[in-house]
Protein backbone atom coordinates (compact mmCIF):
# COMPACT_ATOMS: atom_id res chain seq x y z
CA MET A 1 -56.04 28.49 56.43
CA ASP A 2 -55.53 26.36 53.34
CA TRP A 3 -55.48 22.74 54.49
CA ASN A 4 -54.22 21.44 51.13
CA TYR A 5 -50.91 23.22 51.68
CA VAL A 6 -50.78 22.04 55.27
CA ALA A 7 -51.24 18.42 54.22
CA LEU A 8 -48.72 18.64 51.39
CA ILE A 9 -46.02 20.29 53.48
CA ALA A 10 -46.69 18.04 56.50
CA VAL A 11 -46.43 14.80 54.53
CA THR A 12 -43.30 15.95 52.71
CA ALA A 13 -41.56 17.11 55.88
CA ALA A 14 -42.60 13.98 57.78
CA LEU A 15 -41.15 11.74 55.08
CA LEU A 16 -37.91 13.70 55.18
CA LEU A 17 -37.70 13.38 58.96
CA VAL A 18 -38.41 9.65 58.81
CA MET A 19 -35.62 9.37 56.24
CA ILE A 20 -33.21 10.70 58.86
CA GLN A 21 -34.45 8.14 61.36
CA ARG A 22 -34.05 5.21 58.97
CA THR A 23 -30.58 6.16 57.71
CA GLU A 24 -27.59 4.12 58.75
CA PRO A 25 -25.67 5.88 61.57
CA LYS A 26 -22.51 6.17 59.45
CA ARG A 27 -24.40 8.07 56.74
CA ARG A 28 -26.68 10.11 59.00
CA ARG A 29 -24.72 13.36 58.69
CA LEU A 30 -25.20 13.40 54.91
CA ALA A 31 -28.92 12.65 55.33
CA ILE A 32 -29.30 15.48 57.86
CA PHE A 33 -27.63 17.89 55.44
CA PHE A 34 -29.89 16.79 52.56
CA VAL A 35 -33.05 17.06 54.69
CA ALA A 36 -32.02 20.47 56.05
CA VAL A 37 -31.58 21.79 52.52
CA CYS A 38 -34.95 20.36 51.45
CA LEU A 39 -36.73 21.83 54.48
CA LEU A 40 -35.15 25.23 53.85
CA VAL A 41 -36.33 25.14 50.24
CA ILE A 42 -39.85 24.24 51.40
CA ARG A 43 -39.76 27.01 53.99
CA HIS A 44 -38.48 29.52 51.47
CA ASN A 45 -41.12 28.71 48.86
CA ALA A 46 -44.11 28.29 51.14
CA PHE A 47 -43.32 30.62 54.01
CA LEU A 48 -41.60 33.54 52.31
CA LYS A 49 -42.91 33.54 48.75
CA GLY A 50 -46.36 32.06 49.23
CA ASN A 51 -47.32 34.05 52.34
CA LEU A 52 -48.32 30.82 54.08
CA HIS A 53 -47.06 31.63 57.57
CA ASP A 54 -49.65 29.79 59.66
CA GLU A 55 -49.90 26.86 57.28
CA THR A 56 -46.15 26.27 57.31
CA LEU A 57 -45.95 26.36 61.09
CA VAL A 58 -48.87 23.97 61.54
CA ALA A 59 -47.50 21.64 58.86
CA PHE A 60 -44.07 21.42 60.49
CA LEU A 61 -45.64 20.71 63.88
CA ILE A 62 -47.77 17.95 62.34
CA ALA A 63 -44.66 16.56 60.61
CA LEU A 64 -42.78 16.44 63.91
CA LEU A 65 -45.72 14.65 65.52
CA LEU A 66 -45.94 12.11 62.68
CA SER A 67 -42.20 11.50 62.83
CA LEU A 68 -42.36 10.97 66.58
CA LEU A 69 -45.27 8.54 66.20
CA PHE A 70 -43.35 6.59 63.55
CA TRP A 71 -40.37 6.35 65.88
CA LEU A 72 -42.54 5.27 68.83
CA LEU A 73 -44.48 2.63 66.92
CA ILE A 74 -41.92 1.28 64.44
CA GLY A 75 -38.45 2.80 64.82
CA ARG A 76 -37.70 1.72 68.37
CA TYR A 77 -38.53 -1.94 67.74
CA ASN A 78 -36.81 -2.18 64.35
CA PRO A 79 -33.39 -0.55 64.70
CA ILE A 80 -31.21 0.18 61.69
CA LYS A 81 -28.61 -2.48 61.06
CA SER A 82 -25.13 -1.70 59.85
CA GLU A 83 -24.38 -2.47 56.22
CA ASP A 84 -21.71 -4.87 57.49
CA ASN A 85 -24.41 -7.02 59.13
CA VAL A 86 -26.87 -7.14 56.24
CA GLN A 87 -27.62 -10.71 55.23
CA VAL A 88 -28.95 -11.42 51.75
CA LEU A 89 -31.33 -14.35 51.54
CA GLY A 90 -30.45 -16.95 48.94
CA MET A 91 -26.72 -16.23 48.90
CA ASP A 92 -24.47 -19.21 49.70
CA ASP A 93 -21.26 -17.19 50.11
């Protein structure tokens, strides 16, 4: 098993999954579509062309675990605010 590929795919997939978590609820459908396309491209290149079956599976499981840990430690306590409620510091409007 090549751990370099596992680490690369796991970090990339975890960042994509965290991107879905941190997207505003109104725009989440577009983010899910973008992430699904990116994950399919990763799967196609690594899993089908590179003959990295075990590495891809382990990497995606690690990515799910990292995404879950991010949600447990950070995401639950810092929810996404709507763009209507964003307050810019220093603006007197």
